[in-house]
Amino acid sequence: MAESTAVADAPKRRIAFWLVLLAAGGIFAVTMGARQSMGLFLSVINSTTGLGLASISLAFGVGQLWWGLTQPVAGIMADRYGAGRVLLIGLAMVAIGTALVPLMTTTLGLILAIGVLAAGGAGFAGPSVLLASTARLTPPEKRGMASGIVNAGGSFGQFVFVPIAGAITAGFGWAISVQSMAAIVLLALPAAWILRGRPPAVSAPAPAGHPAAAAKRETTRAAIGRAMRDPSYRLLSAGFFVCGFHVAFIATHLPGVVAACQLPPSVGAWALGIVGLFNIVGSLAMGWAVGRWRMKSLLSLLYAARGLAVLLFLLAPKTEAVVLVFAAFIGLTYLSTVPPTAGLVAKFFGTAHMATLFGFVMLSHQLGGFLGAWLGGKAFQATGSYDWMWYADIVLAAGAALINLPIREAHLPPRAAAVPA
């Protein structure tokens, strides 16, 4: 009887599994799409307001930093009160902040709209809450692929939003385009209901041999303290800092890089779209890979590949084809660091406090993001090129590749042969 009931419930479990992924991936798509498309408007905001590239880059940089600062807070709230309410607040903030951008004519106003409201809302509806909710609502053996699919949702949003924003801008102007992005964000509000609920009070056991192996009932403060004392958690966070530096610089300044190469503005829009498209491939591939290879090794490989891609781009002639190929390769590594990073947090500490602990890792990511977005504008204003930012990125990528190697991750068990049910 029990076996027949389990068989009968299997289709319902599959539907519930894909519904969770659709909800989490959809929310990530609209928040990431709205944020990543803002780089298209940097130049027109500058020409409209006359504030200067450095001042506008500061607003984008504050957004990167605030996106990170809000994620531990969002994680604590989601772990305590449930993800649904946190996601509703986040989506509303993203929509309001994005809609206000065309109305702001001062640096402080742009910091409020882009840096506080839109970025803070994206932090509340960001990966720390979404991936923790997904991990809690999916079976352990499917978490790697699930995180890859949710992460690909963010990339899909970037791929779709950027050309839509470009088309609306061409037809109706940039202000209507930005406010249209705000309206689209509101379409994701029903998805927050699917991801509602609170995590269990007891953490799932971590792998044997790891310092955090003993699962126990603990407070949020105790879980944070335990994580901060773990050298592997600190190394993971340090490596993710580099990811933030690179991603924020690309998202904010890639259209400017294209303009500095004296290529048409449309190439910048296509380059951002291609980054999003190929990140879908990279995220799905990484979601598949985390169950087959050690996650710290995958992270080292991603960072090393990213540094090599930047070096080759610097050496190559700056043609349209080169820019688009570079965007495609960067897309493969762009946010594919998220599934193994989130997977390591869950592997070390379980899922009861995952939103909180991954939120602090995302804070490290966004400290790097603040520097990538802000220093990009400062470097160009000081030198007339982005070369020094690329040099810094190569060095940081090499460091991130090395710093992930000492992470203590238990070896994967040998794959057993399939056993008939």
Protein backbone atom coordinates (compact mmCIF):
# COMPACT_ATOMS: atom_id res chain seq x y z
CA MET A 1 0.00 0.00 0.00
CA ALA A 2 2.78 2.44 0.95
CA GLU A 3 4.65 1.65 -2.26
CA SER A 4 1.56 2.25 -4.42
CA THR A 5 0.90 5.55 -2.62
CA ALA A 6 4.48 6.68 -3.26
CA VAL A 7 4.16 5.80 -6.94
CA ALA A 8 0.86 7.69 -7.16
CA ASP A 9 2.39 10.76 -5.47
CA ALA A 10 5.43 10.83 -7.78
CA PRO A 11 3.77 12.99 -10.51
CA LYS A 12 2.61 15.48 -7.85
CA ARG A 13 6.14 15.70 -6.45
CA ARG A 14 7.54 16.31 -9.92
CA ILE A 15 4.99 19.08 -10.56
CA ALA A 16 5.77 20.66 -7.18
CA PHE A 17 9.52 20.46 -7.91
CA TRP A 18 9.22 22.27 -11.23
CA LEU A 19 6.75 24.78 -9.80
CA VAL A 20 9.30 25.75 -7.14
CA LEU A 21 12.01 26.13 -9.79
CA LEU A 22 9.73 28.18 -12.03
CA ALA A 23 8.82 30.51 -9.16
CA ALA A 24 12.39 31.00 -7.92
CA GLY A 25 13.84 31.26 -11.42
CA GLY A 26 11.11 33.71 -12.47
CA ILE A 27 11.74 36.04 -9.53
CA PHE A 28 15.48 35.93 -10.16
CA ALA A 29 14.85 36.61 -13.86
CA VAL A 30 12.92 39.84 -13.32
CA THR A 31 15.16 41.22 -10.56
CA MET A 32 18.38 40.35 -12.39
CA GLY A 33 17.01 41.50 -15.73
CA ALA A 34 15.95 44.89 -14.35
CA ARG A 35 19.30 45.44 -12.60
CA GLN A 36 21.57 44.22 -15.39
CA SER A 37 19.80 46.26 -18.06
CA MET A 38 20.53 49.50 -16.16
CA GLY A 39 24.06 49.56 -17.58
CA LEU A 40 22.51 50.42 -20.96
CA PHE A 41 21.28 53.74 -19.55
CA LEU A 42 24.51 54.90 -17.88
CA SER A 43 25.51 57.09 -20.83
CA VAL A 44 22.06 58.65 -21.33
CA ILE A 45 21.68 59.30 -17.60
CA ASN A 46 25.03 61.09 -17.76
CA SER A 47 24.04 63.21 -20.75
CA THR A 48 20.60 63.98 -19.27
CA THR A 49 21.75 64.93 -15.78
CA GLY A 50 25.28 66.19 -16.51
CA LEU A 51 26.48 64.62 -13.26
CA GLY A 52 29.60 62.97 -14.70
CA LEU A 53 30.50 59.32 -15.13
CA ALA A 54 32.21 59.04 -11.74
CA SER A 55 29.15 60.30 -9.83
CA ILE A 56 26.78 57.99 -11.70
CA SER A 57 29.17 55.06 -11.23
CA LEU A 58 29.07 55.82 -7.51
CA ALA A 59 25.29 55.27 -7.53
CA PHE A 60 25.78 51.96 -9.33
CA GLY A 61 28.56 51.04 -6.92
CA VAL A 62 26.39 51.81 -3.89
CA GLY A 63 23.75 49.59 -5.47
CA GLN A 64 26.21 46.72 -5.69
CA LEU A 65 27.22 47.22 -2.06
CA TRP A 66 23.67 47.62 -0.78
CA TRP A 67 22.53 44.52 -2.70
CA GLY A 68 25.09 42.60 -0.70
CA LEU A 69 24.39 44.28 2.65
CA THR A 70 20.67 43.52 2.45
CA GLN A 71 21.09 39.81 1.71
CA PRO A 72 22.19 38.67 5.20
CA VAL A 73 19.30 40.69 6.66
CA ALA A 74 16.91 39.16 4.12
CA GLY A 75 18.31 35.71 4.93
CA ILE A 76 17.77 36.16 8.66
CA MET A 77 14.20 37.37 8.06
CA ALA A 78 13.45 34.50 5.67
CA ASP A 79 14.88 31.91 8.06
CA ARG A 80 12.76 33.33 10.88
CA TYR A 81 9.51 34.50 9.25
CA GLY A 82 9.42 32.72 5.89
CA ALA A 83 10.58 33.59 2.40
CA GLY A 84 7.23 34.71 0.94
CA ARG A 85 6.95 37.98 2.84
CA VAL A 86 10.59 38.86 2.24
CA LEU A 87 10.24 38.26 -1.50
CA LEU A 88 7.09 40.41 -1.71
CA ILE A 89 8.89 43.32 -0.04
CA GLY A 90 11.88 42.89 -2.33
CA LEU A 91 9.91 42.84 -5.58
CA ALA A 92 7.94 45.94 -4.58
CA MET A 93 11.15 47.81 -3.76
CA VAL A 94 12.74 46.86 -7.11
CA ALA A 95 9.70 48.12 -9.02
CA ILE A 96 9.50 51.42 -7.11
CA GLY A 97 13.22 52.14 -7.30
CA THR A 98 13.44 51.34 -11.02
CA ALA A 99 10.41 53.52 -11.82
CA LEU A 100 11.97 56.48 -9.99
CA VAL A 101 15.29 56.46 -11.90
CA PRO A 102 14.19 58.79 -14.76
CA LEU A 103 12.90 61.32 -12.20
CA MET A 104 16.23 61.67 -10.39
CA THR A 105 18.57 64.48 -11.45
CA THR A 106 21.09 64.49 -8.58
CA THR A 107 23.70 62.03 -7.38
CA LEU A 108 21.83 61.56 -4.11
CA GLY A 109 18.60 60.89 -5.97
CA LEU A 110 20.22 58.25 -8.16
CA ILE A 111 21.79 56.64 -5.10
CA LEU A 112 18.32 56.46 -3.52
CA ALA A 113 16.61 55.00 -6.60
CA ILE A 114 19.34 52.73 -7.99
CA GLY A 115 21.46 52.12 -4.93
CA VAL A 116 18.95 51.84 -2.09
CA LEU A 117 15.48 50.95 -3.39
CA ALA A 118 16.12 48.91 -6.55
CA ALA A 119 19.29 47.22 -5.34
CA GLY A 120 17.97 46.69 -1.81
CA GLY A 121 14.81 45.12 -3.18
CA ALA A 122 16.86 42.87 -5.43
CA GLY A 123 18.81 41.85 -2.30
CA PHE A 124 15.60 40.93 -0.46
CA ALA A 125 14.46 38.96 -3.52
CA GLY A 126 17.99 37.78 -4.27
CA PRO A 127 19.87 34.50 -4.44
CA SER A 128 20.38 34.05 -0.68
CA VAL A 129 16.61 33.74 -0.14
CA LEU A 130 15.80 32.10 -3.47
CA LEU A 131 18.47 29.39 -3.36
CA ALA A 132 17.80 28.64 0.31
CA SER A 133 14.08 28.26 -0.40
CA THR A 134 14.85 26.04 -3.37
CA ALA A 135 17.24 23.87 -1.34
CA ARG A 136 14.65 23.52 1.43
CA LEU A 137 11.84 22.55 -0.97
CA THR A 138 13.78 20.10 -3.16
CA PRO A 139 15.32 16.67 -2.42
CA PRO A 140 19.07 16.72 -1.55
CA GLU A 141 20.03 14.75 -4.66
CA LYS A 142 18.40 17.39 -6.91
CA ARG A 143 19.74 20.52 -5.20
CA GLY A 144 22.73 20.97 -7.50
CA MET A 145 20.64 20.92 -10.66
CA ALA A 146 17.92 22.98 -9.00
CA SER A 147 20.36 25.75 -8.06
CA GLY A 148 21.72 25.73 -11.61
CA ILE A 149 18.22 26.11 -13.06
CA VAL A 150 17.31 28.96 -10.69
CA ASN A 151 20.61 30.67 -11.47
CA ALA A 152 19.91 30.25 -15.18
CA GLY A 153 16.62 32.07 -14.57
CA GLY A 154 18.58 35.18 -13.63
CA SER A 155 20.63 34.87 -16.78
CA PHE A 156 17.49 34.39 -18.86
CA GLY A 157 16.14 37.62 -17.39
CA GLN A 158 19.27 39.48 -18.45
CA PHE A 159 19.14 37.95 -21.93
CA VAL A 160 15.48 38.95 -22.39
CA PHE A 161 15.44 42.32 -20.61
CA VAL A 162 18.43 43.89 -22.35
CA PRO A 163 17.10 43.67 -25.93
CA ILE A 164 13.58 44.59 -24.75
CA ALA A 165 14.97 47.64 -22.99
CA GLY A 166 16.96 48.56 -26.10
CA ALA A 167 13.91 48.21 -28.36
CA ILE A 168 11.64 50.27 -26.09
CA THR A 169 14.34 52.93 -25.80
CA ALA A 170 14.61 53.16 -29.58
CA GLY A 171 10.85 53.50 -29.99
CA PHE A 172 9.72 55.52 -26.97
CA GLY A 173 12.78 56.87 -25.16
CA TRP A 174 14.85 55.70 -22.23
CA ALA A 175 12.48 56.93 -19.48
CA ILE A 176 9.58 54.82 -20.79
CA SER A 177 11.96 51.91 -21.18
CA VAL A 178 13.11 52.05 -17.55
CA GLN A 179 9.56 52.37 -16.23
CA SER A 180 8.45 49.45 -18.40
CA MET A 181 11.11 47.34 -16.68
CA ALA A 182 9.58 48.34 -13.35
CA ALA A 183 6.13 47.21 -14.48
CA ILE A 184 7.44 43.82 -15.64
CA VAL A 185 8.97 43.20 -12.19
CA LEU A 186 5.48 43.32 -10.63
CA LEU A 187 4.44 40.30 -12.72
CA ALA A 188 6.57 38.10 -10.44
CA LEU A 189 4.60 38.92 -7.25
CA PRO A 190 2.45 35.72 -7.35
CA ALA A 191 5.62 33.58 -7.41
CA ALA A 192 6.45 34.70 -3.86
CA TRP A 193 3.42 32.75 -2.57
CA ILE A 194 4.82 29.48 -3.92
CA LEU A 195 8.07 29.94 -2.00
CA ARG A 196 6.42 30.87 1.29
CA GLY A 197 7.02 28.95 4.50
CA ARG A 198 9.68 28.72 7.18
CA PRO A 199 12.64 26.34 7.29
CA PRO A 200 12.86 23.62 9.94
CA ALA A 201 14.46 24.52 13.26
CA VAL A 202 17.06 21.76 13.08
CA SER A 203 19.90 21.96 10.61
CA ALA A 204 20.51 19.04 8.28
CA PRO A 205 23.76 17.20 9.01
CA ALA A 206 26.90 18.31 7.27
CA PRO A 207 29.27 15.72 5.79
CA ALA A 208 31.32 13.62 8.17
CA GLY A 209 34.83 14.88 8.76
CA HIS A 210 33.96 18.55 8.39
CA PRO A 211 34.21 20.76 11.50
CA ALA A 212 30.50 21.56 11.17
CA ALA A 213 29.48 17.91 10.89
CA ALA A 214 27.43 17.76 14.10
CA ALA A 215 23.90 18.91 13.37
CA LYS A 216 22.30 20.66 16.29
CA ARG A 217 19.54 23.02 17.24
CA GLU A 218 21.04 26.50 17.36
CA THR A 219 20.20 30.15 17.13
CA THR A 220 20.93 32.30 14.12
CA ARG A 221 23.74 34.04 16.02
CA ALA A 222 25.33 30.70 16.91
CA ALA A 223 25.11 29.53 13.28
CA ILE A 224 26.78 32.73 12.05
CA GLY A 225 29.54 32.40 14.65
CA ARG A 226 30.15 28.77 13.73
CA ALA A 227 30.43 29.69 10.06
CA MET A 228 32.75 32.64 10.65
CA ARG A 229 35.13 30.40 12.58
CA ASP A 230 35.30 27.93 9.70
CA PRO A 231 38.40 28.60 7.49
CA SER A 232 36.72 27.02 4.46
CA TYR A 233 33.75 29.39 4.75
CA ARG A 234 36.11 32.37 4.91
CA LEU A 235 38.08 31.18 1.88
CA LEU A 236 34.87 30.62 -0.06
CA SER A 237 33.71 34.16 0.76
CA ALA A 238 37.07 35.65 -0.25
CA GLY A 239 36.91 33.94 -3.63
CA PHE A 240 33.35 35.15 -4.16
CA PHE A 241 34.55 38.73 -3.58
CA VAL A 242 36.46 38.44 -6.86
CA CYS A 243 33.37 37.17 -8.67
CA GLY A 244 31.48 40.28 -7.54
CA PHE A 245 34.24 42.61 -8.71
CA HIS A 246 34.23 41.10 -12.18
CA VAL A 247 30.45 40.73 -12.61
CA ALA A 248 29.67 44.29 -11.48
CA PHE A 249 32.36 45.79 -13.70
CA ILE A 250 31.03 43.90 -16.74
CA ALA A 251 27.36 44.68 -16.02
CA THR A 252 27.98 48.39 -15.45
CA HIS A 253 30.75 49.23 -17.89
CA LEU A 254 30.66 46.75 -20.79
CA PRO A 255 28.67 49.22 -22.96
CA GLY A 256 31.33 51.82 -22.08
CA VAL A 257 34.10 49.40 -23.01
CA VAL A 258 32.40 48.90 -26.38
CA ALA A 259 32.12 52.67 -26.88
CA ALA A 260 35.81 53.12 -25.97
CA CYS A 261 36.62 50.61 -28.72
CA GLN A 262 34.74 52.92 -31.14
CA LEU A 263 32.10 50.30 -31.91
CA PRO A 264 28.36 51.00 -32.39
CA PRO A 265 26.21 51.21 -29.20
CA SER A 266 24.13 48.28 -30.43
CA VAL A 267 27.18 46.05 -29.95
CA GLY A 268 27.14 46.89 -26.23
CA ALA A 269 23.47 45.88 -25.93
CA TRP A 270 24.09 42.65 -27.85
CA ALA A 271 27.17 41.90 -25.74
CA LEU A 272 25.17 42.17 -22.50
CA GLY A 273 22.45 40.00 -23.98
CA ILE A 274 24.96 37.37 -25.08
CA VAL A 275 26.48 37.35 -21.58
CA GLY A 276 23.03 36.49 -20.24
CA LEU A 277 22.33 33.88 -22.91
CA PHE A 278 25.57 31.98 -22.41
CA ASN A 279 25.27 32.24 -18.66
CA ILE A 280 22.13 30.12 -18.99
CA VAL A 281 24.30 27.42 -20.56
CA GLY A 282 27.03 27.87 -17.95
CA SER A 283 24.60 27.78 -15.02
CA LEU A 284 22.83 24.64 -16.23
CA ALA A 285 26.14 22.93 -16.95
CA MET A 286 27.46 23.85 -13.50
CA GLY A 287 24.27 22.61 -11.85
CA TRP A 288 24.87 19.26 -13.53
CA ALA A 289 28.58 19.25 -12.66
CA VAL A 290 28.31 19.94 -8.92
CA GLY A 291 26.98 16.45 -8.32
CA ARG A 292 29.87 14.85 -10.19
CA TRP A 293 33.02 16.77 -9.26
CA ARG A 294 34.27 18.57 -6.19
CA MET A 295 32.77 22.03 -6.04
CA LYS A 296 35.96 23.78 -4.89
CA SER A 297 37.78 22.42 -7.96
CA LEU A 298 35.02 23.67 -10.24
CA LEU A 299 35.28 27.14 -8.68
CA SER A 300 39.06 27.24 -9.19
CA LEU A 301 38.61 26.25 -12.82
CA LEU A 302 35.96 28.95 -13.39
CA TYR A 303 38.08 31.75 -11.95
CA ALA A 304 41.16 30.67 -13.89
CA ALA A 305 39.17 30.49 -17.14
CA ARG A 306 37.75 33.95 -16.52
CA GLY A 307 41.21 35.49 -16.04
CA LEU A 308 42.48 33.80 -19.20
CA ALA A 309 39.51 35.14 -21.19
CA VAL A 310 40.24 38.72 -20.07
CA LEU A 311 43.92 38.36 -20.98
CA LEU A 312 43.09 37.12 -24.48
CA PHE A 313 40.56 39.94 -24.92
CA LEU A 314 43.21 42.52 -24.06
CA LEU A 315 45.59 41.06 -26.62
CA ALA A 316 43.02 40.68 -29.42
CA PRO A 317 41.95 43.38 -31.90
CA LYS A 318 38.74 45.06 -30.75
CA THR A 319 36.30 44.13 -33.51
CA GLU A 320 32.60 43.41 -33.18
CA ALA A 321 33.21 39.67 -33.55
CA VAL A 322 35.90 39.68 -30.84
CA VAL A 323 33.63 41.57 -28.40
CA LEU A 324 30.74 39.18 -28.97
CA VAL A 325 32.93 36.06 -28.64
CA PHE A 326 34.42 37.51 -25.44
CA ALA A 327 30.90 38.17 -24.12
CA ALA A 328 29.90 34.58 -24.89
CA PHE A 329 32.90 33.12 -23.05
CA ILE A 330 32.44 35.45 -20.10
CA GLY A 331 28.79 34.43 -20.03
CA LEU A 332 29.76 30.79 -19.51
CA THR A 333 31.60 31.73 -16.30
CA TYR A 334 29.58 34.82 -15.32
CA LEU A 335 27.27 33.54 -12.57
CA SER A 336 28.01 29.84 -12.87
CA THR A 337 30.04 30.33 -9.69
CA VAL A 338 26.76 30.54 -7.73
CA PRO A 339 25.65 26.84 -7.78
CA PRO A 340 28.95 25.45 -6.39
CA THR A 341 29.24 28.31 -3.88
CA ALA A 342 25.69 27.82 -2.60
CA GLY A 343 26.24 24.06 -2.71
CA LEU A 344 29.29 24.31 -0.47
CA VAL A 345 27.39 26.41 2.07
CA ALA A 346 24.60 23.82 2.19
CA LYS A 347 27.12 20.99 2.32
CA PHE A 348 28.99 22.55 5.24
CA PHE A 349 26.07 23.77 7.37
CA GLY A 350 22.79 22.27 6.13
CA THR A 351 19.72 24.26 5.06
CA ALA A 352 18.17 25.53 8.32
CA HIS A 353 20.28 28.71 8.29
CA MET A 354 21.34 28.63 4.65
CA ALA A 355 19.62 31.89 3.65
CA THR A 356 21.52 33.71 6.40
CA LEU A 357 24.90 32.09 5.78
CA PHE A 358 24.75 32.37 2.00
CA GLY A 359 23.61 35.96 2.50
CA PHE A 360 26.95 36.75 4.20
CA VAL A 361 28.81 35.10 1.31
CA MET A 362 26.81 37.30 -1.06
CA LEU A 363 27.80 40.32 1.03
CA SER A 364 31.45 39.52 0.27
CA HIS A 365 30.49 39.19 -3.40
CA GLN A 366 28.91 42.62 -3.39
CA LEU A 367 31.80 44.30 -1.59
CA GLY A 368 33.76 43.27 -4.66
CA GLY A 369 30.83 44.43 -6.81
CA PHE A 370 30.91 47.90 -5.29
CA LEU A 371 34.60 48.26 -6.15
CA GLY A 372 34.11 46.87 -9.66
CA ALA A 373 31.29 49.28 -10.51
CA TRP A 374 32.73 52.37 -8.81
CA LEU A 375 36.41 51.97 -9.73
CA GLY A 376 35.47 51.28 -13.35
CA GLY A 377 34.14 54.82 -13.68
CA LYS A 378 37.00 56.31 -11.66
CA ALA A 379 39.63 54.49 -13.76
CA PHE A 380 38.12 55.61 -17.05
CA GLN A 381 37.78 59.20 -15.90
CA ALA A 382 41.41 59.25 -14.73
CA THR A 383 43.07 57.43 -17.64
CA GLY A 384 40.60 57.50 -20.55
CA SER A 385 40.54 53.68 -20.76
CA TYR A 386 39.52 50.58 -18.82
CA ASP A 387 42.86 48.80 -19.15
CA TRP A 388 43.82 49.05 -15.47
CA MET A 389 40.51 47.48 -14.48
CA TRP A 390 41.22 44.55 -16.78
CA TYR A 391 44.72 44.16 -15.30
CA ALA A 392 43.26 44.11 -11.78
CA ASP A 393 40.67 41.55 -12.85
CA ILE A 394 43.32 39.17 -14.21
CA VAL A 395 45.30 39.33 -10.95
CA LEU A 396 42.19 38.85 -8.81
CA ALA A 397 40.97 35.94 -10.92
CA ALA A 398 44.31 34.16 -10.47
CA GLY A 399 44.10 34.75 -6.72
CA ALA A 400 40.54 33.41 -6.54
CA ALA A 401 41.54 30.29 -8.46
CA LEU A 402 44.25 29.60 -5.88
CA ILE A 403 42.32 30.53 -2.74
CA ASN A 404 39.59 27.97 -3.37
CA LEU A 405 41.99 25.04 -3.45
CA PRO A 406 42.59 24.79 0.36
CA ILE A 407 38.84 24.58 1.08
CA ARG A 408 38.06 21.41 3.02
CA GLU A 409 35.43 19.59 1.01
CA ALA A 410 34.71 15.91 1.55
CA HIS A 411 35.41 13.71 -1.44
CA LEU A 412 32.37 12.60 -3.38
CA PRO A 413 31.44 8.98 -2.71
CA PRO A 414 32.11 6.58 -5.58
CA ARG A 415 29.16 6.35 -7.92
CA ALA A 416 27.27 3.14 -7.31
CA ALA A 417 25.86 1.11 -10.15
CA ALA A 418 22.15 1.57 -10.74
CA VAL A 419 20.05 -0.87 -8.70
CA PRO A 420 16.62 -1.92 -9.99
CA ALA A 421 13.77 -0.72 -7.82
